[in-house]
Amino acid sequence: MTAKSATTSPSPRSTESGALPAAVSVLAVTARPGQESADLGGVLQVFRRGGASLSLLCMTRGEATPAGLGAARAEAVRPWEVQMASAVLGVRAVTVANYRDGALHRHRPAELTERIGRAIREHAADMLVVVAPEAGDGEDLAVARATSAAAARAGVPLVSRTRRDARGSWLVPLGESAEIIRAIQHSAVAVHASQPDLLTAVLERLDLLEDTEPLRWLRCPRRVPAQRYRKYIIAG
């Protein structure tokens, strides 16, 4: 399904030749377990190789997707998988919230915004990353809107991983580290073994990915103070 954009995305004039602004603390916000690896794993590695500390806020425990591990409950297994996958990706801090999987769009936006705002303050995040609403579903739209509102309050830029044909998108090259980055991403995705049917499809999709990541700003970096975004990163 294609969802409407969470915000109007201006052209990424703050980038140079596909690069990303350097960040000190990057916070990824996802709707469900697995997205930190399959959707955001590549771009998180770009930030990590640029020297950023990574943290993750997963808004649900992923219980809406049946687990494939016999009697094990998805809501118990999937948060553990997030922790393990995040360790593979080099994410230092992981929080799994208790919102119901599949029901984020029913919550008051202000409630989700406040929760994300607390995570921004906790990790002193100076860059936020989400799945673009046009690249996901209604739950991703709810996360993108709430994160955009929290980013505006905190004065922090927000970038989204999107489709290659999305309006306002640009490609960030993975550089000489592309093979390593994809291998790390592949290993992180493989941790989510409770989803055997989905896992096969995702791993096959990863094998087809190119050495770039398509991104779109939901909230562009501010130019003031200019020195904060003077440096840019390209994985190498």
Protein backbone atom coordinates (compact mmCIF):
# COMPACT_ATOMS: atom_id res chain seq x y z
CA MET A 1 0.00 0.00 0.00
CA THR A 2 1.13 3.53 -0.62
CA ALA A 3 0.63 6.07 2.13
CA LYS A 4 0.67 9.83 1.85
CA SER A 5 3.84 11.64 2.82
CA ALA A 6 4.22 12.59 6.46
CA THR A 7 5.63 15.98 5.53
CA THR A 8 6.42 17.98 2.47
CA SER A 9 9.95 17.02 1.55
CA PRO A 10 12.14 19.80 0.19
CA SER A 11 15.03 18.91 -2.05
CA PRO A 12 18.01 17.62 -0.06
CA ARG A 13 20.10 20.76 -0.61
CA SER A 14 22.00 19.99 2.57
CA THR A 15 23.70 16.99 0.96
CA GLU A 16 26.77 16.93 -1.21
CA SER A 17 27.13 14.32 -3.95
CA GLY A 18 24.76 11.94 -2.20
CA ALA A 19 26.45 12.28 1.17
CA LEU A 20 24.77 12.51 4.55
CA PRO A 21 25.48 15.08 7.25
CA ALA A 22 27.73 13.65 9.94
CA ALA A 23 25.89 12.85 13.16
CA VAL A 24 26.99 12.11 16.70
CA SER A 25 23.90 10.22 17.93
CA VAL A 26 21.44 8.59 15.51
CA LEU A 27 18.06 7.34 16.73
CA ALA A 28 16.10 4.94 14.50
CA VAL A 29 12.36 4.62 15.15
CA THR A 30 10.49 1.62 13.74
CA ALA A 31 6.94 0.30 13.83
CA ARG A 32 7.83 -3.36 14.36
CA PRO A 33 10.76 -5.77 14.86
CA GLY A 34 12.78 -6.59 11.76
CA GLN A 35 12.63 -3.15 10.17
CA GLU A 36 15.84 -2.10 11.91
CA SER A 37 17.61 -4.75 9.81
CA ALA A 38 15.69 -5.22 6.56
CA ASP A 39 14.76 -1.57 5.95
CA LEU A 40 17.21 0.58 7.91
CA GLY A 41 20.22 -1.70 8.27
CA GLY A 42 22.09 -0.19 5.33
CA VAL A 43 21.69 3.48 6.21
CA LEU A 44 22.45 2.80 9.88
CA GLN A 45 25.74 1.27 8.81
CA VAL A 46 26.56 4.41 6.82
CA PHE A 47 26.07 6.53 9.93
CA ARG A 48 27.99 4.07 12.09
CA ARG A 49 30.96 4.11 9.74
CA GLY A 50 30.83 7.89 9.92
CA GLY A 51 31.40 7.66 13.67
CA ALA A 52 27.83 7.97 14.98
CA SER A 53 26.46 6.16 18.01
CA LEU A 54 23.28 4.22 17.13
CA SER A 55 20.13 3.70 19.19
CA LEU A 56 16.74 2.17 18.37
CA LEU A 57 13.17 2.68 19.51
CA CYS A 58 10.89 -0.09 18.25
CA MET A 59 7.31 0.95 18.96
CA THR A 60 5.75 -2.55 19.18
CA ARG A 61 6.71 -6.11 20.12
CA GLY A 62 5.67 -7.52 16.73
CA GLU A 63 2.98 -9.78 18.11
CA ALA A 64 0.68 -9.29 15.09
CA THR A 65 2.93 -11.49 12.95
CA PRO A 66 2.65 -15.18 13.90
CA ALA A 67 5.88 -16.73 15.07
CA GLY A 68 7.22 -19.87 13.45
CA LEU A 69 8.81 -21.36 16.58
CA GLY A 70 6.12 -23.72 17.80
CA ALA A 71 4.53 -22.60 21.05
CA ALA A 72 6.83 -19.63 21.53
CA ARG A 73 4.86 -16.40 21.61
CA ALA A 74 5.81 -13.78 19.05
CA GLU A 75 5.57 -10.99 21.59
CA ALA A 76 8.28 -12.68 23.66
CA VAL A 77 10.49 -13.91 20.83
CA ARG A 78 10.54 -10.93 18.52
CA PRO A 79 11.86 -8.34 21.02
CA TRP A 80 14.72 -10.75 21.75
CA GLU A 81 15.40 -10.96 18.01
CA VAL A 82 15.50 -7.16 17.83
CA GLN A 83 18.12 -7.11 20.58
CA MET A 84 20.27 -9.70 18.81
CA ALA A 85 19.91 -8.11 15.37
CA SER A 86 20.76 -4.71 16.81
CA ALA A 87 23.94 -6.14 18.31
CA VAL A 88 24.93 -7.33 14.83
CA LEU A 89 24.27 -3.85 13.45
CA GLY A 90 26.25 -2.15 16.21
CA VAL A 91 23.24 -0.47 17.82
CA ARG A 92 24.25 0.41 21.37
CA ALA A 93 20.85 1.01 22.98
CA VAL A 94 17.55 -0.72 22.15
CA THR A 95 14.11 0.05 23.55
CA VAL A 96 11.01 -1.96 22.63
CA ALA A 97 7.81 -0.12 23.55
CA ASN A 98 4.54 -1.85 24.43
CA TYR A 99 2.15 -0.36 21.88
CA ARG A 100 0.00 -2.99 20.18
CA ASP A 101 1.35 -4.18 16.86
CA GLY A 102 -1.04 -3.18 14.08
CA ALA A 103 -2.75 -0.51 16.18
CA LEU A 104 -0.28 2.39 16.15
CA HIS A 105 -2.53 4.36 13.81
CA ARG A 106 -5.29 4.23 16.43
CA HIS A 107 -3.25 5.97 19.11
CA ARG A 108 -3.35 9.70 19.62
CA PRO A 109 -0.48 11.20 17.60
CA ALA A 110 0.48 13.35 20.59
CA GLU A 111 1.03 10.21 22.69
CA LEU A 112 3.37 8.65 20.13
CA THR A 113 5.15 11.98 19.65
CA GLU A 114 5.77 12.31 23.38
CA ARG A 115 7.19 8.77 23.57
CA ILE A 116 9.58 9.44 20.71
CA GLY A 117 10.50 12.80 22.20
CA ARG A 118 11.59 11.08 25.41
CA ALA A 119 13.85 8.79 23.39
CA ILE A 120 15.38 11.79 21.59
CA ARG A 121 16.22 13.39 24.91
CA GLU A 122 17.45 10.15 26.46
CA HIS A 123 19.94 9.51 23.67
CA ALA A 124 20.71 13.17 22.89
CA ALA A 125 19.92 12.31 19.27
CA ASP A 126 21.00 14.77 16.60
CA MET A 127 19.64 12.66 13.69
CA LEU A 128 16.48 10.56 13.37
CA VAL A 129 15.84 7.74 10.90
CA VAL A 130 12.52 6.08 9.96
CA VAL A 131 10.96 4.05 7.17
CA ALA A 132 9.38 6.49 4.71
CA PRO A 133 5.57 6.39 4.74
CA GLU A 134 5.45 5.78 0.98
CA ALA A 135 7.71 2.75 1.45
CA GLY A 136 5.61 1.15 4.18
CA ASP A 137 2.08 0.80 5.50
CA GLY A 138 -0.29 2.67 7.79
CA GLU A 139 1.80 1.80 10.85
CA ASP A 140 4.90 3.28 9.21
CA LEU A 141 2.90 6.39 8.37
CA ALA A 142 1.90 6.76 12.03
CA VAL A 143 5.53 6.40 13.11
CA ALA A 144 6.77 8.85 10.47
CA ARG A 145 4.20 11.48 11.44
CA ALA A 146 4.89 11.16 15.16
CA THR A 147 8.65 11.18 14.63
CA SER A 148 8.37 14.22 12.37
CA ALA A 149 6.45 16.08 15.08
CA ALA A 150 8.98 15.06 17.72
CA ALA A 151 11.84 16.10 15.43
CA ALA A 152 10.27 19.52 14.91
CA ARG A 153 9.94 20.05 18.66
CA ALA A 154 13.53 18.98 19.30
CA GLY A 155 15.00 20.79 16.30
CA VAL A 156 16.51 17.55 14.97
CA PRO A 157 16.67 16.48 11.30
CA LEU A 158 14.73 13.41 10.17
CA VAL A 159 15.68 11.24 7.20
CA SER A 160 13.66 8.32 5.85
CA ARG A 161 14.59 5.23 3.88
CA THR A 162 12.30 5.29 0.83
CA ARG A 163 11.71 3.84 -2.62
CA ARG A 164 14.13 4.61 -5.42
CA ASP A 165 11.40 6.30 -7.44
CA ALA A 166 10.08 8.45 -4.59
CA ARG A 167 9.78 12.17 -5.28
CA GLY A 168 12.45 14.17 -3.46
CA SER A 169 14.65 11.12 -2.86
CA TRP A 170 18.36 10.81 -3.45
CA LEU A 171 20.85 7.96 -3.34
CA VAL A 172 23.55 7.61 -0.70
CA PRO A 173 26.45 5.48 -1.97
CA LEU A 174 27.78 2.74 0.28
CA GLY A 175 31.22 3.16 -1.29
CA GLU A 176 33.99 0.62 -0.92
CA SER A 177 32.27 -0.84 2.14
CA ALA A 178 29.14 -1.85 0.23
CA GLU A 179 29.86 -5.58 0.33
CA ILE A 180 30.63 -5.51 4.04
CA ILE A 181 27.57 -3.39 4.83
CA ARG A 182 25.26 -5.73 2.94
CA ALA A 183 26.84 -8.76 4.66
CA ILE A 184 26.20 -7.20 8.09
CA GLN A 185 22.64 -6.34 7.08
CA HIS A 186 22.11 -9.88 5.79
CA SER A 187 23.33 -11.33 9.11
CA ALA A 188 21.07 -9.01 11.12
CA VAL A 189 18.01 -9.98 9.06
CA ALA A 190 18.82 -13.68 9.49
CA VAL A 191 18.47 -13.29 13.28
CA HIS A 192 14.69 -12.92 12.84
CA ALA A 193 14.23 -16.67 12.53
CA SER A 194 10.72 -16.63 14.02
CA GLN A 195 9.46 -15.40 10.63
CA PRO A 196 10.61 -18.19 8.26
CA ASP A 197 8.29 -17.32 5.36
CA LEU A 198 9.04 -13.60 5.46
CA LEU A 199 12.72 -14.24 6.16
CA THR A 200 13.26 -16.05 2.88
CA ALA A 201 11.66 -13.25 0.86
CA VAL A 202 13.58 -10.52 2.68
CA LEU A 203 16.92 -12.27 2.27
CA GLU A 204 16.25 -12.70 -1.43
CA ARG A 205 15.44 -8.99 -1.70
CA LEU A 206 18.64 -8.07 0.09
CA ASP A 207 20.63 -10.08 -2.44
CA LEU A 208 19.23 -7.82 -5.18
CA LEU A 209 20.05 -4.51 -3.49
CA GLU A 210 22.53 -2.21 -5.14
CA ASP A 211 25.38 -0.36 -3.46
CA THR A 212 23.25 2.70 -2.65
CA GLU A 213 20.47 3.57 -0.19
CA PRO A 214 17.47 5.69 -1.34
CA LEU A 215 16.65 8.36 1.23
CA ARG A 216 14.27 11.31 1.57
CA TRP A 217 14.28 14.11 4.11
CA LEU A 218 11.15 14.45 6.21
CA ARG A 219 12.81 17.26 8.11
CA CYS A 220 15.94 18.80 6.57
CA PRO A 221 19.00 19.78 8.64
CA ARG A 222 19.06 23.40 9.67
CA ARG A 223 21.90 25.52 8.37
CA VAL A 224 22.32 27.32 11.69
CA PRO A 225 24.62 26.72 13.40
CA ALA A 226 26.43 25.98 10.15
CA GLN A 227 29.40 24.24 11.71
CA ARG A 228 27.17 21.49 13.06
CA TYR A 229 26.57 20.10 9.57
CA ARG A 230 29.78 21.16 7.90
CA LYS A 231 31.00 17.59 7.70
CA TYR A 232 29.41 14.96 5.48
CA ILE A 233 29.84 11.22 5.36
CA ILE A 234 30.01 8.64 2.63
CA ALA A 235 30.69 5.05 3.60
CA GLY A 236 34.12 4.02 2.45
